[in-house]
Amino acid sequence: MLLAIDVGNTQTVVGLYATNEDGTTRAELVDHWRIATNAERTSDEHALVVQEFLAFHGFSFSEQVDGLAVSSVVPRVTAAIRDMSLRYFGFLPLIVEPGVRTGMPILYDNPKEVGADRIANAVGAYDLYGGPTIIVDFGTATTLDAVSAKGEYLGGAILPGIEISLDALFERAAALRRVELAEPRNVIGRSTVESLQSGAVYGFTSQVDGMCERFREELGEVTVVGTGGLAAFIAPLSKSIEHHEPWLTLHGLRLIYERNRAKPG
């Protein structure tokens, strides 16, 4: 079985894929889990967490996992997972980094600067919807990435994420208190709580729609895909996002794993 792990700054998503007799992975997730990213967690602690997840399905930690694919933006966690894989699984994980075959040309001025999760998202979205495509990932940062009709990663935009933007607002404005991130009754809020919710929900949705429109001016007609922790909340309110793919990064990781497994070198 293949474990796909996407390590973000705030949360880590783990997905489990079954494998066929020939070693290829199946496209459907067997299960998935979301945990808080903790840079202090050791390789042994990571192993314990993975073992407990696998036990939910009665899978053997040491006997049934034969592949591990990782995208990570937290170097300390990357190192811990690499150590975990070697010690407990007996093999090196596939880590999306320079030199790994993705099947997608990276047209960034410096390809090494592109986050591994953004590359995995682009690979997954192009596989599902072709191009040109815009991927909107609602994570610690909100990222928009563009893929050409030829399947090239073109670049994108990075915006402050919804939650960290609200954290900054509450920290700097003494009279404002934290509120639940929920859709208010009206766009024009009739209380401080509703006004904050309106700004957060409709303000960030409009920000994404506005950015997608600017991307369209350069790309032409595109498919827009939403992913990330808050995508399920924002996507239904957006005029631009056409598809919600909550496990897009994991799907891209699985594809990259297959491309490197089939052509070792």
Protein backbone atom coordinates (compact mmCIF):
# COMPACT_ATOMS: atom_id res chain seq x y z
CA MET A 1 0.00 0.00 0.00
CA LEU A 2 1.06 3.58 -0.58
CA LEU A 3 1.05 6.27 2.08
CA ALA A 4 0.82 9.78 0.63
CA ILE A 5 1.66 12.55 3.11
CA ASP A 6 1.18 16.26 2.48
CA VAL A 7 2.87 18.33 5.19
CA GLY A 8 1.62 21.91 5.35
CA ASN A 9 2.59 24.66 7.75
CA THR A 10 -0.57 24.20 9.80
CA GLN A 11 -1.96 20.77 8.99
CA THR A 12 -0.70 17.46 7.62
CA VAL A 13 -2.92 15.26 5.45
CA VAL A 14 -2.25 11.53 5.18
CA GLY A 15 -3.83 9.33 2.52
CA LEU A 16 -3.73 5.55 2.06
CA TYR A 17 -3.88 3.95 -1.39
CA ALA A 18 -4.18 0.25 -2.15
CA THR A 19 -1.82 -1.35 -4.64
CA ASN A 20 -2.46 -3.92 -7.34
CA GLU A 21 -0.55 -7.16 -7.75
CA ASP A 22 1.79 -5.50 -10.27
CA GLY A 23 2.67 -2.80 -7.75
CA THR A 24 0.65 0.02 -9.35
CA THR A 25 -1.54 2.08 -7.05
CA ARG A 26 -5.30 2.35 -7.30
CA ALA A 27 -6.80 5.79 -7.79
CA GLU A 28 -9.32 5.60 -4.94
CA LEU A 29 -8.31 6.49 -1.41
CA VAL A 30 -8.74 3.69 1.11
CA ASP A 31 -8.76 6.25 3.92
CA HIS A 32 -7.41 9.67 4.83
CA TRP A 33 -6.55 11.59 7.98
CA ARG A 34 -5.83 15.21 8.87
CA ILE A 35 -3.62 16.14 11.84
CA ALA A 36 -1.90 19.25 13.15
CA THR A 37 1.61 19.76 11.81
CA ASN A 38 4.12 19.59 14.64
CA ALA A 39 7.75 20.28 13.77
CA GLU A 40 8.79 18.99 17.20
CA ARG A 41 7.44 15.48 16.56
CA THR A 42 10.21 12.90 16.25
CA SER A 43 10.47 10.14 13.67
CA ASP A 44 9.34 7.61 16.28
CA GLU A 45 6.31 9.74 17.14
CA HIS A 46 5.41 10.00 13.46
CA ALA A 47 5.63 6.22 13.25
CA LEU A 48 3.28 5.85 16.22
CA VAL A 49 0.71 8.17 14.62
CA VAL A 50 0.85 6.30 11.29
CA GLN A 51 0.61 2.95 13.05
CA GLU A 52 -2.55 4.02 14.88
CA PHE A 53 -4.16 5.27 11.67
CA LEU A 54 -3.42 2.01 9.87
CA ALA A 55 -4.79 0.01 12.78
CA PHE A 56 -8.22 1.58 12.16
CA HIS A 57 -8.41 -0.63 9.04
CA GLY A 58 -6.57 -3.58 10.49
CA PHE A 59 -3.52 -3.03 8.29
CA SER A 60 -0.04 -4.08 9.31
CA PHE A 61 2.39 -1.24 9.84
CA SER A 62 5.47 -3.13 8.73
CA GLU A 63 4.11 -5.65 6.23
CA GLN A 64 1.58 -3.86 4.02
CA VAL A 65 3.05 -0.40 3.38
CA ASP A 66 5.46 -0.67 0.46
CA GLY A 67 5.58 2.96 -0.70
CA LEU A 68 5.66 6.45 0.78
CA ALA A 69 5.25 9.72 -1.15
CA VAL A 70 5.73 13.07 0.58
CA SER A 71 5.24 16.73 -0.21
CA SER A 72 6.38 19.02 2.59
CA VAL A 73 6.99 22.69 3.22
CA VAL A 74 8.41 22.08 6.71
CA PRO A 75 12.04 20.87 6.47
CA ARG A 76 12.19 19.45 10.01
CA VAL A 77 9.12 17.32 9.40
CA THR A 78 10.54 16.20 6.05
CA ALA A 79 13.67 14.96 7.80
CA ALA A 80 11.66 13.18 10.52
CA ILE A 81 9.46 11.39 7.97
CA ARG A 82 12.52 10.34 5.97
CA ASP A 83 14.03 8.84 9.14
CA MET A 84 10.73 7.16 10.03
CA SER A 85 10.49 5.55 6.60
CA LEU A 86 14.03 4.17 6.75
CA ARG A 87 13.72 2.83 10.29
CA TYR A 88 10.21 1.40 10.23
CA PHE A 89 9.56 0.61 6.56
CA GLY A 90 13.09 -0.10 5.42
CA PHE A 91 13.07 2.14 2.35
CA LEU A 92 13.53 5.80 1.44
CA PRO A 93 10.35 7.78 0.78
CA LEU A 94 9.71 9.57 -2.49
CA ILE A 95 9.95 13.25 -1.53
CA VAL A 96 8.82 15.78 -4.11
CA GLU A 97 11.93 17.91 -4.55
CA PRO A 98 14.29 18.97 -7.36
CA GLY A 99 15.30 15.95 -9.42
CA VAL A 100 12.06 14.01 -8.95
CA ARG A 101 10.14 13.20 -12.14
CA THR A 102 6.79 14.98 -12.07
CA GLY A 103 5.93 14.77 -15.77
CA MET A 104 5.24 18.51 -15.74
CA PRO A 105 7.65 21.22 -16.97
CA ILE A 106 8.08 23.95 -14.33
CA LEU A 107 8.30 27.37 -16.02
CA TYR A 108 9.11 29.31 -12.86
CA ASP A 109 12.22 31.50 -13.11
CA ASN A 110 13.72 29.28 -10.40
CA PRO A 111 11.85 25.93 -10.34
CA LYS A 112 13.41 25.06 -6.96
CA GLU A 113 11.33 27.82 -5.34
CA VAL A 114 7.99 26.17 -6.12
CA GLY A 115 6.47 24.44 -3.10
CA ALA A 116 6.11 20.67 -3.40
CA ASP A 117 2.40 20.87 -2.59
CA ARG A 118 1.84 23.35 -5.43
CA ILE A 119 3.54 20.99 -7.87
CA ALA A 120 1.50 18.02 -6.64
CA ASN A 121 -1.70 20.08 -6.96
CA ALA A 122 -0.80 21.06 -10.52
CA VAL A 123 -0.03 17.48 -11.52
CA GLY A 124 -3.27 16.23 -9.97
CA ALA A 125 -5.46 18.94 -11.49
CA TYR A 126 -4.02 18.50 -14.98
CA ASP A 127 -4.62 14.75 -14.76
CA LEU A 128 -8.26 15.30 -13.78
CA TYR A 129 -9.22 18.31 -15.90
CA GLY A 130 -6.49 19.01 -18.43
CA GLY A 131 -5.52 22.62 -19.04
CA PRO A 132 -5.47 25.50 -18.86
CA THR A 133 -6.36 25.17 -15.20
CA ILE A 134 -6.21 27.32 -12.08
CA ILE A 135 -5.79 25.60 -8.72
CA VAL A 136 -6.88 27.54 -5.63
CA ASP A 137 -5.50 25.99 -2.43
CA PHE A 138 -6.93 27.30 0.84
CA GLY A 139 -4.22 26.55 3.38
CA THR A 140 -2.05 28.61 5.72
CA ALA A 141 -1.59 30.73 2.62
CA THR A 142 -4.12 30.89 -0.19
CA THR A 143 -2.28 29.97 -3.36
CA LEU A 144 -3.40 30.21 -6.96
CA ASP A 145 -1.44 28.20 -9.51
CA ALA A 146 -1.79 28.09 -13.27
CA VAL A 147 -1.27 25.14 -15.60
CA SER A 148 -1.15 25.65 -19.37
CA ALA A 149 -3.05 23.73 -22.01
CA LYS A 150 0.19 21.83 -22.67
CA GLY A 151 0.49 20.73 -19.07
CA GLU A 152 3.16 23.22 -18.01
CA TYR A 153 3.30 24.77 -14.56
CA LEU A 154 3.26 28.51 -15.31
CA GLY A 155 3.39 30.09 -11.85
CA GLY A 156 0.81 31.72 -9.67
CA ALA A 157 0.03 33.99 -6.74
CA ILE A 158 0.40 33.64 -2.97
CA LEU A 159 -2.00 35.45 -0.63
CA PRO A 160 -2.29 35.49 3.17
CA GLY A 161 -4.59 32.66 4.22
CA ILE A 162 -8.01 33.26 5.71
CA GLU A 163 -7.21 32.08 9.21
CA ILE A 164 -3.86 33.85 9.60
CA SER A 165 -5.41 37.04 8.23
CA LEU A 166 -8.14 36.87 10.86
CA ASP A 167 -5.57 36.09 13.55
CA ALA A 168 -3.64 39.23 12.58
CA LEU A 169 -6.82 41.32 12.68
CA PHE A 170 -7.84 40.10 16.14
CA GLU A 171 -4.31 40.60 17.43
CA ARG A 172 -4.04 44.19 16.21
CA ALA A 173 -7.61 45.38 16.87
CA ALA A 174 -8.27 45.36 20.60
CA ALA A 175 -12.02 45.92 20.27
CA LEU A 176 -12.56 42.93 17.97
CA ARG A 177 -12.95 39.40 19.26
CA ARG A 178 -12.61 36.06 17.56
CA VAL A 179 -15.72 34.76 15.83
CA GLU A 180 -16.77 31.52 14.22
CA LEU A 181 -15.92 31.36 10.54
CA ALA A 182 -19.49 30.96 9.28
CA GLU A 183 -21.66 32.48 6.56
CA PRO A 184 -23.66 35.41 8.02
CA ARG A 185 -27.32 36.11 7.34
CA ASN A 186 -26.50 39.12 5.16
CA VAL A 187 -23.55 40.59 3.35
CA ILE A 188 -24.23 43.84 5.20
CA GLY A 189 -23.58 42.74 8.76
CA ARG A 190 -25.90 44.06 11.46
CA SER A 191 -23.56 43.32 14.33
CA THR A 192 -19.82 43.24 14.82
CA VAL A 193 -19.90 39.45 14.65
CA GLU A 194 -21.82 39.45 11.36
CA SER A 195 -19.61 42.20 9.95
CA LEU A 196 -16.49 40.17 10.72
CA GLN A 197 -18.05 37.06 9.24
CA SER A 198 -19.10 38.93 6.12
CA GLY A 199 -15.63 40.34 5.62
CA ALA A 200 -14.03 36.95 6.15
CA VAL A 201 -16.41 34.84 4.07
CA TYR A 202 -17.46 37.14 1.24
CA GLY A 203 -14.32 39.25 1.29
CA PHE A 204 -11.98 36.30 0.75
CA THR A 205 -14.35 34.72 -1.74
CA SER A 206 -14.39 37.94 -3.76
CA GLN A 207 -10.59 38.11 -3.51
CA VAL A 208 -10.28 34.68 -5.07
CA ASP A 209 -12.86 35.44 -7.75
CA GLY A 210 -11.06 38.67 -8.60
CA MET A 211 -7.69 36.92 -8.88
CA CYS A 212 -9.18 34.18 -11.06
CA GLU A 213 -10.58 36.84 -13.37
CA ARG A 214 -7.14 38.42 -13.70
CA PHE A 215 -5.64 35.00 -14.43
CA ARG A 216 -8.26 34.54 -17.17
CA GLU A 217 -7.10 37.73 -18.83
CA GLU A 218 -3.72 36.05 -19.36
CA LEU A 219 -4.83 32.44 -19.89
CA GLY A 220 -8.20 32.67 -21.61
CA GLU A 221 -10.94 30.27 -20.60
CA VAL A 222 -9.82 28.01 -17.79
CA THR A 223 -11.06 25.36 -15.40
CA VAL A 224 -10.83 26.41 -11.75
CA VAL A 225 -10.31 23.79 -9.04
CA GLY A 226 -10.48 24.41 -5.30
CA THR A 227 -8.67 22.37 -2.66
CA GLY A 228 -7.29 22.72 0.87
CA GLY A 229 -8.81 22.76 4.33
CA LEU A 230 -11.27 25.63 3.81
CA ALA A 231 -12.16 24.94 0.19
CA ALA A 232 -15.36 23.11 1.14
CA PHE A 233 -16.54 26.29 2.86
CA ILE A 234 -15.52 28.86 0.23
CA ALA A 235 -16.00 26.94 -3.03
CA PRO A 236 -19.84 26.90 -2.96
CA LEU A 237 -19.85 30.70 -2.55
CA SER A 238 -17.33 31.36 -5.32
CA LYS A 239 -18.36 32.35 -8.83
CA SER A 240 -15.10 31.02 -10.24
CA ILE A 241 -14.40 27.67 -8.57
CA GLU A 242 -16.03 24.93 -10.62
CA HIS A 243 -14.69 21.81 -8.92
CA HIS A 244 -13.86 20.97 -5.32
CA GLU A 245 -11.15 18.31 -4.96
CA PRO A 246 -10.34 17.93 -1.23
CA TRP A 247 -7.62 15.32 -1.81
CA LEU A 248 -6.03 16.89 -4.89
CA THR A 249 -2.53 17.05 -3.37
CA LEU A 250 -2.67 13.36 -2.43
CA HIS A 251 -3.83 12.49 -5.95
CA GLY A 252 -0.89 14.41 -7.40
CA LEU A 253 1.50 12.68 -5.00
CA ARG A 254 0.20 9.29 -6.09
CA LEU A 255 0.75 10.17 -9.76
CA ILE A 256 4.29 11.43 -9.10
CA TYR A 257 5.03 8.26 -7.13
CA GLU A 258 3.84 6.15 -10.06
CA ARG A 259 5.98 8.07 -12.53
CA ASN A 260 9.08 7.53 -10.43
CA ARG A 261 8.27 3.92 -9.52
CA ALA A 262 7.75 2.92 -13.14
CA LYS A 263 11.02 4.50 -14.27
CA PRO A 264 13.60 4.06 -11.56
CA GLY A 265 16.91 5.72 -12.08
